[in-house]
Amino acid sequence: MIELPMLRSSERKDWKRCPTKWNWRYNESLVPLTFNAGPLWFGAGMHLAAAEHYVPGFKRGRDPRETWLEFVGETMDAVKTDKYVDDETVDSWEDAAELGVLMWDHYLKVYGNDDHIEVLMPEHIMKGIIVDPVTKKPMVRLVGVTDLVARNHAQNDRIELWDHKNMKTIQVAHLNIDDQNGGYLLLATKVLHDQGLIKPDEVVRGLLYNFLRKAKPDTREQNEKGQYLNKDGSVSARQGSPYFLRHWIGKTKKERNSQLIHISEEARVMKLQRMGKLPLWKTPDDSCRWQCNFFTMCEIDERNGDVEDYKKRMFKKADPYEDYRGDKMNYKASVLGYKERQDS
């Protein structure tokens, strides 16, 4: 029996960005020997703190500041943030441990215990088998981890997926067409029904992005209107960006169905590229220098250099789906086909 390939939102994103990058990472499983986690490390710790705080039920769990400091341990790291000095935005490097604590301090003051949120499941792995709308045959296993499944009692008991985001700047304009929420919302209702986590008549129609901006609370003086002031007492033109934002993205039945079609089409092309029946093109631009781990290897490839030798010296193998194998995945995958989603 041929095992279906896995697919998640980050792979879809990399494939759309550059099929050559996708091939090196997801088919050849390459990562740099000196991989620098950077912001990924900070985000992993903040996600862990949120997961241990939002435990099942209404009562909150461990203090996220405590979890964060345990995660950091003896690690010494700095995080780049923005701060305002007399109408100017300047870069500021902050101690990661201190910044995380200050962010959680501020967050808890704003949201408290979120008494209206009933947590159904934190850090929940979802998987579903996508059926090809044309051939009606299974073609790919769609997988993902939602940070939170919750019932929002302040929104008519609305079932929500949550995704915690720790960003230097909060941007939401692209989220309506984001692959991540599209894939999660395609899976959620069927998977949660099959697992008995939500009632048969409940539908997951949206995802809540829970943004925490990487920034210390603004300590500038404020006037009676709450406006921040410059040192000379004038009102600053830089009033600052929101520190937190909870941004809701809803999807209709048609939108969820469209996502199923998109995924099946993408999986079909990926399969042909893996088989060598379609070429692996590149999409170079100026972001490749700082965004892609394979930039130098790509240059060598363009000069017809020895790419295989460079791979051996500078890269190692790491399974991109390691977290989705083993005991965590030992439950039956939900099957999602076009007609089924049309009727649900």
C-alpha atoms as a PDB file:
ATOM      1  CA  MET A   1       0.000   0.000   0.000  1.00  0.00           C
ATOM      2  CA  ILE A   2       1.397   3.381  -1.043  1.00  0.00           C
ATOM      3  CA  GLU A   3       1.470   5.902   1.822  1.00  0.00           C
ATOM      4  CA  LEU A   4      -0.079   9.229   0.954  1.00  0.00           C
ATOM      5  CA  PRO A   5       2.263  12.246   1.218  1.00  0.00           C
ATOM      6  CA  MET A   6       1.647  14.745   4.006  1.00  0.00           C
ATOM      7  CA  LEU A   7       0.978  18.406   3.337  1.00  0.00           C
ATOM      8  CA  ARG A   8       0.770  21.422   5.658  1.00  0.00           C
ATOM      9  CA  SER A   9       0.444  25.154   5.210  1.00  0.00           C
ATOM     10  CA  SER A  10       4.170  25.929   5.505  1.00  0.00           C
ATOM     11  CA  GLU A  11       4.948  23.488   2.691  1.00  0.00           C
ATOM     12  CA  ARG A  12       2.234  24.988   0.504  1.00  0.00           C
ATOM     13  CA  LYS A  13       3.696  28.441   1.178  1.00  0.00           C
ATOM     14  CA  ASP A  14       7.247  27.378   0.300  1.00  0.00           C
ATOM     15  CA  TRP A  15       6.095  25.591  -2.853  1.00  0.00           C
ATOM     16  CA  LYS A  16       4.209  28.657  -4.074  1.00  0.00           C
ATOM     17  CA  ARG A  17       7.156  30.888  -3.215  1.00  0.00           C
ATOM     18  CA  CYS A  18       9.753  28.759  -5.035  1.00  0.00           C
ATOM     19  CA  PRO A  19       9.428  25.106  -6.145  1.00  0.00           C
ATOM     20  CA  THR A  20      13.222  24.670  -6.070  1.00  0.00           C
ATOM     21  CA  LYS A  21      13.370  25.743  -2.419  1.00  0.00           C
ATOM     22  CA  TRP A  22      10.411  23.443  -1.724  1.00  0.00           C
ATOM     23  CA  ASN A  23      12.160  20.499  -3.374  1.00  0.00           C
ATOM     24  CA  TRP A  24      15.358  20.913  -1.365  1.00  0.00           C
ATOM     25  CA  ARG A  25      13.515  21.231   1.932  1.00  0.00           C
ATOM     26  CA  TYR A  26      10.533  18.882   1.611  1.00  0.00           C
ATOM     27  CA  ASN A  27      11.707  16.242  -0.857  1.00  0.00           C
ATOM     28  CA  GLU A  28      15.427  16.131  -0.013  1.00  0.00           C
ATOM     29  CA  SER A  29      14.804  17.094   3.676  1.00  0.00           C
ATOM     30  CA  LEU A  30      17.750  19.532   3.756  1.00  0.00           C
ATOM     31  CA  VAL A  31      18.433  22.057   6.533  1.00  0.00           C
ATOM     32  CA  PRO A  32      21.641  24.060   7.117  1.00  0.00           C
ATOM     33  CA  LEU A  33      24.197  22.559   9.512  1.00  0.00           C
ATOM     34  CA  THR A  34      24.346  25.905  11.312  1.00  0.00           C
ATOM     35  CA  PHE A  35      20.627  26.591  11.300  1.00  0.00           C
ATOM     36  CA  ASN A  36      19.807  29.759  13.275  1.00  0.00           C
ATOM     37  CA  ALA A  37      16.317  29.584  14.782  1.00  0.00           C
ATOM     38  CA  GLY A  38      16.174  33.291  15.709  1.00  0.00           C
ATOM     39  CA  PRO A  39      12.547  34.422  15.804  1.00  0.00           C
ATOM     40  CA  LEU A  40      11.418  30.780  15.576  1.00  0.00           C
ATOM     41  CA  TRP A  41      12.983  30.108  18.983  1.00  0.00           C
ATOM     42  CA  PHE A  42      11.197  33.088  20.527  1.00  0.00           C
ATOM     43  CA  GLY A  43       7.887  32.050  18.970  1.00  0.00           C
ATOM     44  CA  ALA A  44       8.248  28.449  20.151  1.00  0.00           C
ATOM     45  CA  GLY A  45       8.662  29.602  23.749  1.00  0.00           C
ATOM     46  CA  MET A  46       5.716  31.985  23.579  1.00  0.00           C
ATOM     47  CA  HIS A  47       3.526  29.253  22.082  1.00  0.00           C
ATOM     48  CA  LEU A  48       4.529  26.855  24.847  1.00  0.00           C
ATOM     49  CA  ALA A  49       3.633  29.462  27.477  1.00  0.00           C
ATOM     50  CA  ALA A  50       0.212  29.983  25.869  1.00  0.00           C
ATOM     51  CA  ALA A  51      -0.414  26.221  25.611  1.00  0.00           C
ATOM     52  CA  GLU A  52       0.235  25.693  29.328  1.00  0.00           C
ATOM     53  CA  HIS A  53      -1.893  28.716  30.237  1.00  0.00           C
ATOM     54  CA  TYR A  54      -4.967  27.896  28.110  1.00  0.00           C
ATOM     55  CA  VAL A  55      -5.735  24.427  29.461  1.00  0.00           C
ATOM     56  CA  PRO A  56      -9.077  22.648  28.867  1.00  0.00           C
ATOM     57  CA  GLY A  57     -12.072  24.263  30.578  1.00  0.00           C
ATOM     58  CA  PHE A  58     -12.651  27.766  31.914  1.00  0.00           C
ATOM     59  CA  LYS A  59      -9.886  27.806  34.512  1.00  0.00           C
ATOM     60  CA  ARG A  60      -6.514  28.981  33.271  1.00  0.00           C
ATOM     61  CA  GLY A  61      -3.386  26.921  33.855  1.00  0.00           C
ATOM     62  CA  ARG A  62       0.206  27.834  34.514  1.00  0.00           C
ATOM     63  CA  ASP A  63       1.322  31.471  34.605  1.00  0.00           C
ATOM     64  CA  PRO A  64       2.786  32.089  31.117  1.00  0.00           C
ATOM     65  CA  ARG A  65       5.626  34.163  32.593  1.00  0.00           C
ATOM     66  CA  GLU A  66       6.774  31.169  34.612  1.00  0.00           C
ATOM     67  CA  THR A  67       6.658  28.860  31.590  1.00  0.00           C
ATOM     68  CA  TRP A  68       8.494  31.414  29.460  1.00  0.00           C
ATOM     69  CA  LEU A  69      11.362  31.841  31.939  1.00  0.00           C
ATOM     70  CA  GLU A  70      11.712  28.069  32.293  1.00  0.00           C
ATOM     71  CA  PHE A  71      11.870  27.789  28.495  1.00  0.00           C
ATOM     72  CA  VAL A  72      14.536  30.483  28.232  1.00  0.00           C
ATOM     73  CA  GLY A  73      16.645  28.986  31.030  1.00  0.00           C
ATOM     74  CA  GLU A  74      20.258  30.072  30.658  1.00  0.00           C
ATOM     75  CA  THR A  75      19.871  31.083  27.013  1.00  0.00           C
ATOM     76  CA  MET A  76      21.173  34.551  26.269  1.00  0.00           C
ATOM     77  CA  ASP A  77      19.487  36.119  23.282  1.00  0.00           C
ATOM     78  CA  ALA A  78      18.294  39.501  22.074  1.00  0.00           C
ATOM     79  CA  VAL A  79      15.182  40.388  20.082  1.00  0.00           C
ATOM     80  CA  LYS A  80      14.909  43.311  17.675  1.00  0.00           C
ATOM     81  CA  THR A  81      11.979  45.630  18.408  1.00  0.00           C
ATOM     82  CA  ASP A  82      10.898  49.204  17.667  1.00  0.00           C
ATOM     83  CA  LYS A  83      10.688  52.077  20.089  1.00  0.00           C
ATOM     84  CA  TYR A  84       9.754  55.742  19.691  1.00  0.00           C
ATOM     85  CA  VAL A  85      12.045  58.646  20.513  1.00  0.00           C
ATOM     86  CA  ASP A  86      10.697  62.143  19.770  1.00  0.00           C
ATOM     87  CA  ASP A  87       8.658  61.245  16.676  1.00  0.00           C
ATOM     88  CA  GLU A  88      11.294  58.851  15.392  1.00  0.00           C
ATOM     89  CA  THR A  89      11.129  55.079  15.198  1.00  0.00           C
ATOM     90  CA  VAL A  90      14.429  53.488  16.180  1.00  0.00           C
ATOM     91  CA  ASP A  91      15.546  49.886  16.382  1.00  0.00           C
ATOM     92  CA  SER A  92      16.026  48.512  19.867  1.00  0.00           C
ATOM     93  CA  TRP A  93      17.600  45.193  20.868  1.00  0.00           C
ATOM     94  CA  GLU A  94      15.943  43.794  23.983  1.00  0.00           C
ATOM     95  CA  ASP A  95      16.874  40.911  26.248  1.00  0.00           C
ATOM     96  CA  ALA A  96      14.612  38.053  25.144  1.00  0.00           C
ATOM     97  CA  ALA A  97      13.833  36.770  28.639  1.00  0.00           C
ATOM     98  CA  GLU A  98      12.863  40.219  29.925  1.00  0.00           C
ATOM     99  CA  LEU A  99      10.877  41.078  26.799  1.00  0.00           C
ATOM    100  CA  GLY A 100       8.810  37.896  27.034  1.00  0.00           C
ATOM    101  CA  VAL A 101       7.933  38.550  30.670  1.00  0.00           C
ATOM    102  CA  LEU A 102       6.940  42.160  29.924  1.00  0.00           C
ATOM    103  CA  MET A 103       4.781  41.045  26.985  1.00  0.00           C
ATOM    104  CA  TRP A 104       2.934  38.504  29.152  1.00  0.00           C
ATOM    105  CA  ASP A 105       2.568  41.054  31.963  1.00  0.00           C
ATOM    106  CA  HIS A 106       0.916  43.446  29.556  1.00  0.00           C
ATOM    107  CA  TYR A 107      -1.209  40.709  27.941  1.00  0.00           C
ATOM    108  CA  LEU A 108      -2.620  39.527  31.280  1.00  0.00           C
ATOM    109  CA  LYS A 109      -3.493  43.092  32.254  1.00  0.00           C
ATOM    110  CA  VAL A 110      -5.450  43.515  29.015  1.00  0.00           C
ATOM    111  CA  TYR A 111      -7.212  40.131  28.783  1.00  0.00           C
ATOM    112  CA  GLY A 112      -7.124  38.785  32.334  1.00  0.00           C
ATOM    113  CA  ASN A 113      -8.221  35.161  32.489  1.00  0.00           C
ATOM    114  CA  ASP A 114     -10.468  35.320  29.405  1.00  0.00           C
ATOM    115  CA  ASP A 115     -13.344  34.058  31.536  1.00  0.00           C
ATOM    116  CA  HIS A 116     -15.651  33.818  28.515  1.00  0.00           C
ATOM    117  CA  ILE A 117     -13.377  31.344  26.735  1.00  0.00           C
ATOM    118  CA  GLU A 118     -13.961  27.626  27.292  1.00  0.00           C
ATOM    119  CA  VAL A 119     -10.930  25.752  26.026  1.00  0.00           C
ATOM    120  CA  LEU A 120     -11.873  22.484  24.330  1.00  0.00           C
ATOM    121  CA  MET A 121      -8.343  21.490  23.333  1.00  0.00           C
ATOM    122  CA  PRO A 122      -4.967  23.294  23.223  1.00  0.00           C
ATOM    123  CA  GLU A 123      -2.219  22.497  20.698  1.00  0.00           C
ATOM    124  CA  HIS A 124      -4.432  20.133  18.728  1.00  0.00           C
ATOM    125  CA  ILE A 125      -3.078  18.168  15.758  1.00  0.00           C
ATOM    126  CA  MET A 126      -5.610  17.782  12.962  1.00  0.00           C
ATOM    127  CA  LYS A 127      -5.329  15.552   9.932  1.00  0.00           C
ATOM    128  CA  GLY A 128      -7.559  14.744   7.036  1.00  0.00           C
ATOM    129  CA  ILE A 129      -7.328  12.780   3.825  1.00  0.00           C
ATOM    130  CA  ILE A 130      -8.057  14.971   0.809  1.00  0.00           C
ATOM    131  CA  VAL A 131      -9.978  13.176  -1.916  1.00  0.00           C
ATOM    132  CA  ASP A 132      -9.306  14.271  -5.487  1.00  0.00           C
ATOM    133  CA  PRO A 133     -12.536  15.912  -6.781  1.00  0.00           C
ATOM    134  CA  VAL A 134     -11.804  14.535 -10.269  1.00  0.00           C
ATOM    135  CA  THR A 135     -10.645  10.952  -9.694  1.00  0.00           C
ATOM    136  CA  LYS A 136     -12.427  10.527  -6.313  1.00  0.00           C
ATOM    137  CA  LYS A 137      -9.263   8.870  -4.996  1.00  0.00           C
ATOM    138  CA  PRO A 138      -7.309   9.862  -1.841  1.00  0.00           C
ATOM    139  CA  MET A 139      -4.357  12.036  -2.838  1.00  0.00           C
ATOM    140  CA  VAL A 140      -2.769  13.726   0.193  1.00  0.00           C
ATOM    141  CA  ARG A 141      -2.882  13.828   4.006  1.00  0.00           C
ATOM    142  CA  LEU A 142      -3.472  17.416   5.097  1.00  0.00           C
ATOM    143  CA  VAL A 143      -2.039  18.030   8.585  1.00  0.00           C
ATOM    144  CA  GLY A 144      -1.744  20.980  10.920  1.00  0.00           C
ATOM    145  CA  VAL A 145      -1.641  22.050  14.567  1.00  0.00           C
ATOM    146  CA  THR A 146      -4.141  24.594  15.762  1.00  0.00           C
ATOM    147  CA  ASP A 147      -3.034  26.441  18.901  1.00  0.00           C
ATOM    148  CA  LEU A 148      -6.464  26.322  20.490  1.00  0.00           C
ATOM    149  CA  VAL A 149      -9.967  24.970  19.956  1.00  0.00           C
ATOM    150  CA  ALA A 150     -12.393  27.011  22.048  1.00  0.00           C
ATOM    151  CA  ARG A 151     -16.042  27.829  22.627  1.00  0.00           C
ATOM    152  CA  ASN A 152     -16.530  31.600  22.946  1.00  0.00           C
ATOM    153  CA  HIS A 153     -19.412  32.230  25.337  1.00  0.00           C
ATOM    154  CA  ALA A 154     -19.336  35.969  24.599  1.00  0.00           C
ATOM    155  CA  GLN A 155     -20.095  35.229  20.932  1.00  0.00           C
ATOM    156  CA  ASN A 156     -23.171  32.983  21.171  1.00  0.00           C
ATOM    157  CA  ASP A 157     -21.036  29.955  22.095  1.00  0.00           C
ATOM    158  CA  ARG A 158     -19.151  30.257  18.818  1.00  0.00           C
ATOM    159  CA  ILE A 159     -16.625  27.492  18.135  1.00  0.00           C
ATOM    160  CA  GLU A 160     -13.261  29.033  17.319  1.00  0.00           C
ATOM    161  CA  LEU A 161      -9.798  27.975  16.291  1.00  0.00           C
ATOM    162  CA  TRP A 162      -7.064  30.217  17.705  1.00  0.00           C
ATOM    163  CA  ASP A 163      -3.639  30.916  16.279  1.00  0.00           C
ATOM    164  CA  HIS A 164      -1.168  32.737  18.542  1.00  0.00           C
ATOM    165  CA  LYS A 165       1.157  35.087  16.652  1.00  0.00           C
ATOM    166  CA  ASN A 166       4.222  36.894  18.019  1.00  0.00           C
ATOM    167  CA  MET A 167       5.172  39.569  15.490  1.00  0.00           C
ATOM    168  CA  LYS A 168       7.389  42.622  15.318  1.00  0.00           C
ATOM    169  CA  THR A 169       4.568  44.336  13.421  1.00  0.00           C
ATOM    170  CA  ILE A 170       0.938  43.219  13.239  1.00  0.00           C
ATOM    171  CA  GLN A 171      -0.334  42.854   9.671  1.00  0.00           C
ATOM    172  CA  VAL A 172      -3.727  41.417   8.752  1.00  0.00           C
ATOM    173  CA  ALA A 173      -4.486  42.498   5.161  1.00  0.00           C
ATOM    174  CA  HIS A 174      -3.358  39.167   3.683  1.00  0.00           C
ATOM    175  CA  LEU A 175      -5.166  36.877   6.137  1.00  0.00           C
ATOM    176  CA  ASN A 176      -8.386  36.498   4.129  1.00  0.00           C
ATOM    177  CA  ILE A 177      -6.443  34.507   1.527  1.00  0.00           C
ATOM    178  CA  ASP A 178      -3.922  32.875   3.874  1.00  0.00           C
ATOM    179  CA  ASP A 179      -3.326  29.155   3.303  1.00  0.00           C
ATOM    180  CA  GLN A 180      -2.997  28.432   7.014  1.00  0.00           C
ATOM    181  CA  ASN A 181      -6.490  29.432   8.099  1.00  0.00           C
ATOM    182  CA  GLY A 182      -7.898  28.057   4.861  1.00  0.00           C
ATOM    183  CA  GLY A 183      -6.481  24.593   5.507  1.00  0.00           C
ATOM    184  CA  TYR A 184      -7.357  24.591   9.215  1.00  0.00           C
ATOM    185  CA  LEU A 185     -10.948  25.614   8.589  1.00  0.00           C
ATOM    186  CA  LEU A 186     -11.306  23.010   5.867  1.00  0.00           C
ATOM    187  CA  LEU A 187     -10.278  20.317   8.368  1.00  0.00           C
ATOM    188  CA  ALA A 188     -11.784  21.576  11.602  1.00  0.00           C
ATOM    189  CA  THR A 189     -15.512  20.785  11.506  1.00  0.00           C
ATOM    190  CA  LYS A 190     -15.178  17.238  10.160  1.00  0.00           C
ATOM    191  CA  VAL A 191     -12.184  16.378  12.371  1.00  0.00           C
ATOM    192  CA  LEU A 192     -13.722  17.777  15.577  1.00  0.00           C
ATOM    193  CA  HIS A 193     -17.033  16.028  14.856  1.00  0.00           C
ATOM    194  CA  ASP A 194     -15.236  12.725  14.291  1.00  0.00           C
ATOM    195  CA  GLN A 195     -13.353  13.149  17.579  1.00  0.00           C
ATOM    196  CA  GLY A 196     -16.457  14.161  19.527  1.00  0.00           C
ATOM    197  CA  LEU A 197     -14.992  17.503  20.603  1.00  0.00           C
ATOM    198  CA  ILE A 198     -17.933  19.526  19.274  1.00  0.00           C
ATOM    199  CA  LYS A 199     -21.647  18.802  18.937  1.00  0.00           C
ATOM    200  CA  PRO A 200     -23.015  17.323  15.681  1.00  0.00           C
ATOM    201  CA  ASP A 201     -24.838  20.578  14.875  1.00  0.00           C
ATOM    202  CA  GLU A 202     -21.825  22.819  15.560  1.00  0.00           C
ATOM    203  CA  VAL A 203     -19.666  24.168  12.725  1.00  0.00           C
ATOM    204  CA  VAL A 204     -16.242  25.805  12.890  1.00  0.00           C
ATOM    205  CA  ARG A 205     -16.663  28.858  10.702  1.00  0.00           C
ATOM    206  CA  GLY A 206     -13.620  30.892  11.639  1.00  0.00           C
ATOM    207  CA  LEU A 207     -10.197  31.325  13.157  1.00  0.00           C
ATOM    208  CA  LEU A 208      -9.116  33.974  15.651  1.00  0.00           C
ATOM    209  CA  TYR A 209      -5.601  35.337  15.257  1.00  0.00           C
ATOM    210  CA  ASN A 210      -4.320  36.265  18.714  1.00  0.00           C
ATOM    211  CA  PHE A 211      -1.509  38.736  18.002  1.00  0.00           C
ATOM    212  CA  LEU A 212       1.131  39.759  20.545  1.00  0.00           C
ATOM    213  CA  ARG A 213       3.481  42.411  19.205  1.00  0.00           C
ATOM    214  CA  LYS A 214       7.127  42.042  20.196  1.00  0.00           C
ATOM    215  CA  ALA A 215       7.476  45.263  22.153  1.00  0.00           C
ATOM    216  CA  LYS A 216       7.884  46.595  25.659  1.00  0.00           C
ATOM    217  CA  PRO A 217       4.950  48.638  26.976  1.00  0.00           C
ATOM    218  CA  ASP A 218       5.357  52.292  25.993  1.00  0.00           C
ATOM    219  CA  THR A 219       6.630  54.263  29.003  1.00  0.00           C
ATOM    220  CA  ARG A 220       6.326  57.747  27.459  1.00  0.00           C
ATOM    221  CA  GLU A 221       4.276  60.354  29.270  1.00  0.00           C
ATOM    222  CA  GLN A 222       0.625  60.622  28.259  1.00  0.00           C
ATOM    223  CA  ASN A 223      -1.839  63.506  28.339  1.00  0.00           C
ATOM    224  CA  GLU A 224      -5.402  63.390  29.646  1.00  0.00           C
ATOM    225  CA  LYS A 225      -6.578  61.954  26.309  1.00  0.00           C
ATOM    226  CA  GLY A 226      -4.146  59.069  26.576  1.00  0.00           C
ATOM    227  CA  GLN A 227      -1.926  60.440  23.803  1.00  0.00           C
ATOM    228  CA  TYR A 228       1.796  59.860  24.091  1.00  0.00           C
ATOM    229  CA  LEU A 229       3.992  62.936  24.450  1.00  0.00           C
ATOM    230  CA  ASN A 230       7.473  63.934  23.341  1.00  0.00           C
ATOM    231  CA  LYS A 231      10.043  65.044  25.906  1.00  0.00           C
ATOM    232  CA  ASP A 232       9.080  68.690  25.310  1.00  0.00           C
ATOM    233  CA  GLY A 233       5.431  67.934  26.147  1.00  0.00           C
ATOM    234  CA  SER A 234       4.131  68.065  22.569  1.00  0.00           C
ATOM    235  CA  VAL A 235       1.877  65.317  21.265  1.00  0.00           C
ATOM    236  CA  SER A 236       3.948  62.715  19.459  1.00  0.00           C
ATOM    237  CA  ALA A 237       3.153  61.960  15.852  1.00  0.00           C
ATOM    238  CA  ARG A 238       4.073  58.373  16.663  1.00  0.00           C
ATOM    239  CA  GLN A 239       1.283  57.041  18.840  1.00  0.00           C
ATOM    240  CA  GLY A 240       2.437  53.487  18.345  1.00  0.00           C
ATOM    241  CA  SER A 241       0.907  50.347  16.932  1.00  0.00           C
ATOM    242  CA  PRO A 242      -1.445  48.099  18.918  1.00  0.00           C
ATOM    243  CA  TYR A 243       0.338  45.751  21.283  1.00  0.00           C
ATOM    244  CA  PHE A 244      -2.374  43.124  20.895  1.00  0.00           C
ATOM    245  CA  LEU A 245      -5.027  42.311  18.343  1.00  0.00           C
ATOM    246  CA  ARG A 246      -7.619  39.560  18.096  1.00  0.00           C
ATOM    247  CA  HIS A 247      -8.504  39.336  14.433  1.00  0.00           C
ATOM    248  CA  TRP A 248     -11.337  37.073  13.275  1.00  0.00           C
ATOM    249  CA  ILE A 249     -11.293  35.374   9.864  1.00  0.00           C
ATOM    250  CA  GLY A 250     -14.508  33.584   8.897  1.00  0.00           C
ATOM    251  CA  LYS A 251     -15.008  31.165   6.021  1.00  0.00           C
ATOM    252  CA  THR A 252     -18.289  30.248   4.322  1.00  0.00           C
ATOM    253  CA  LYS A 253     -19.091  26.771   2.968  1.00  0.00           C
ATOM    254  CA  LYS A 254     -18.122  27.950  -0.517  1.00  0.00           C
ATOM    255  CA  GLU A 255     -14.799  29.293   0.722  1.00  0.00           C
ATOM    256  CA  ARG A 256     -13.998  26.089   2.567  1.00  0.00           C
ATOM    257  CA  ASN A 257     -14.898  24.126  -0.540  1.00  0.00           C
ATOM    258  CA  SER A 258     -12.661  26.341  -2.671  1.00  0.00           C
ATOM    259  CA  GLN A 259      -9.762  25.574  -0.346  1.00  0.00           C
ATOM    260  CA  LEU A 260     -10.297  21.853  -0.912  1.00  0.00           C
ATOM    261  CA  ILE A 261     -10.069  22.418  -4.669  1.00  0.00           C
ATOM    262  CA  HIS A 262      -6.914  24.542  -4.282  1.00  0.00           C
ATOM    263  CA  ILE A 263      -5.190  21.891  -2.157  1.00  0.00           C
ATOM    264  CA  SER A 264      -6.036  19.067  -4.534  1.00  0.00           C
ATOM    265  CA  GLU A 265      -4.751  21.073  -7.520  1.00  0.00           C
ATOM    266  CA  GLU A 266      -1.519  21.958  -5.699  1.00  0.00           C
ATOM    267  CA  ALA A 267      -0.982  18.344  -4.609  1.00  0.00           C
ATOM    268  CA  ARG A 268      -1.457  17.157  -8.185  1.00  0.00           C
ATOM    269  CA  VAL A 269       1.256  19.497  -9.495  1.00  0.00           C
ATOM    270  CA  MET A 270       3.597  18.635  -6.607  1.00  0.00           C
ATOM    271  CA  LYS A 271       3.239  14.948  -7.428  1.00  0.00           C
ATOM    272  CA  LEU A 272       4.154  15.559 -11.065  1.00  0.00           C
ATOM    273  CA  GLN A 273       7.208  17.562 -10.011  1.00  0.00           C
ATOM    274  CA  ARG A 274       8.345  14.819  -7.637  1.00  0.00           C
ATOM    275  CA  MET A 275       8.029  12.349 -10.515  1.00  0.00           C
ATOM    276  CA  GLY A 276      10.084  14.604 -12.802  1.00  0.00           C
ATOM    277  CA  LYS A 277       7.187  15.142 -15.188  1.00  0.00           C
ATOM    278  CA  LEU A 278       7.115  18.885 -14.545  1.00  0.00           C
ATOM    279  CA  PRO A 279      10.145  21.154 -14.068  1.00  0.00           C
ATOM    280  CA  LEU A 280      11.192  22.819 -10.817  1.00  0.00           C
ATOM    281  CA  TRP A 281      11.376  26.531 -11.563  1.00  0.00           C
ATOM    282  CA  LYS A 282      12.828  29.330  -9.436  1.00  0.00           C
ATOM    283  CA  THR A 283      11.340  32.677  -8.430  1.00  0.00           C
ATOM    284  CA  PRO A 284      14.348  34.862  -7.526  1.00  0.00           C
ATOM    285  CA  ASP A 285      14.052  38.354  -6.068  1.00  0.00           C
ATOM    286  CA  ASP A 286      15.938  40.531  -3.575  1.00  0.00           C
ATOM    287  CA  SER A 287      14.335  38.767  -0.583  1.00  0.00           C
ATOM    288  CA  CYS A 288      16.158  35.521  -1.397  1.00  0.00           C
ATOM    289  CA  ARG A 289      19.377  36.803   0.234  1.00  0.00           C
ATOM    290  CA  TRP A 290      17.832  37.061   3.690  1.00  0.00           C
ATOM    291  CA  GLN A 291      14.776  34.816   3.452  1.00  0.00           C
ATOM    292  CA  CYS A 292      16.080  31.606   1.908  1.00  0.00           C
ATOM    293  CA  ASN A 293      18.505  29.117   3.495  1.00  0.00           C
ATOM    294  CA  PHE A 294      19.409  27.879   0.009  1.00  0.00           C
ATOM    295  CA  PHE A 295      20.488  31.212  -1.513  1.00  0.00           C
ATOM    296  CA  THR A 296      24.184  30.368  -1.888  1.00  0.00           C
ATOM    297  CA  MET A 297      23.412  26.884  -3.192  1.00  0.00           C
ATOM    298  CA  CYS A 298      21.039  28.438  -5.707  1.00  0.00           C
ATOM    299  CA  GLU A 299      23.855  30.703  -6.929  1.00  0.00           C
ATOM    300  CA  ILE A 300      26.129  27.677  -7.319  1.00  0.00           C
ATOM    301  CA  ASP A 301      23.380  25.895  -9.242  1.00  0.00           C
ATOM    302  CA  GLU A 302      22.959  28.866 -11.586  1.00  0.00           C
ATOM    303  CA  ARG A 303      26.719  28.824 -12.299  1.00  0.00           C
ATOM    304  CA  ASN A 304      26.551  25.067 -13.014  1.00  0.00           C
ATOM    305  CA  GLY A 305      28.773  24.454  -9.994  1.00  0.00           C
ATOM    306  CA  ASP A 306      29.012  21.363  -7.803  1.00  0.00           C
ATOM    307  CA  VAL A 307      25.713  21.561  -5.923  1.00  0.00           C
ATOM    308  CA  GLU A 308      25.976  18.022  -4.550  1.00  0.00           C
ATOM    309  CA  ASP A 309      29.335  18.736  -2.926  1.00  0.00           C
ATOM    310  CA  TYR A 310      27.953  21.915  -1.339  1.00  0.00           C
ATOM    311  CA  LYS A 311      24.954  19.970   0.029  1.00  0.00           C
ATOM    312  CA  LYS A 312      27.282  17.442   1.700  1.00  0.00           C
ATOM    313  CA  ARG A 313      29.402  20.163   3.328  1.00  0.00           C
ATOM    314  CA  MET A 314      26.733  22.664   4.391  1.00  0.00           C
ATOM    315  CA  PHE A 315      23.479  20.755   4.977  1.00  0.00           C
ATOM    316  CA  LYS A 316      22.055  17.839   6.928  1.00  0.00           C
ATOM    317  CA  LYS A 317      18.861  15.815   6.711  1.00  0.00           C
ATOM    318  CA  ALA A 318      15.863  16.684   8.928  1.00  0.00           C
ATOM    319  CA  ASP A 319      12.372  15.298   8.405  1.00  0.00           C
ATOM    320  CA  PRO A 320       9.996  18.280   7.926  1.00  0.00           C
ATOM    321  CA  TYR A 321       7.122  16.120   9.187  1.00  0.00           C
ATOM    322  CA  GLU A 322       8.775  14.582  12.233  1.00  0.00           C
ATOM    323  CA  ASP A 323       6.288  16.253  14.597  1.00  0.00           C
ATOM    324  CA  TYR A 324       3.392  14.638  12.714  1.00  0.00           C
ATOM    325  CA  ARG A 325       4.561  11.055  12.977  1.00  0.00           C
ATOM    326  CA  GLY A 326       4.364   8.498  15.770  1.00  0.00           C
ATOM    327  CA  ASP A 327       1.985   8.414  18.719  1.00  0.00           C
ATOM    328  CA  LYS A 328       0.577  11.896  18.117  1.00  0.00           C
ATOM    329  CA  MET A 329      -0.923  10.721  14.835  1.00  0.00           C
ATOM    330  CA  ASN A 330      -2.379   7.431  16.056  1.00  0.00           C
ATOM    331  CA  TYR A 331      -5.991   8.250  15.334  1.00  0.00           C
ATOM    332  CA  LYS A 332      -8.083   7.775  12.248  1.00  0.00           C
ATOM    333  CA  ALA A 333      -7.850  10.603   9.712  1.00  0.00           C
ATOM    334  CA  SER A 334     -11.070  12.253   8.627  1.00  0.00           C
ATOM    335  CA  VAL A 335     -11.848  11.982   4.927  1.00  0.00           C
ATOM    336  CA  LEU A 336     -12.712  15.191   3.102  1.00  0.00           C
ATOM    337  CA  GLY A 337     -14.207  15.069  -0.347  1.00  0.00           C
ATOM    338  CA  TYR A 338     -15.849  17.764  -2.451  1.00  0.00           C
ATOM    339  CA  LYS A 339     -19.443  16.488  -2.194  1.00  0.00           C
ATOM    340  CA  GLU A 340     -19.083  15.891   1.535  1.00  0.00           C
ATOM    341  CA  ARG A 341     -17.927  19.443   2.175  1.00  0.00           C
ATOM    342  CA  GLN A 342     -20.635  20.798  -0.124  1.00  0.00           C
ATOM    343  CA  ASP A 343     -23.307  19.247   2.082  1.00  0.00           C
ATOM    344  CA  SER A 344     -21.849  20.202   5.465  1.00  0.00           C
END
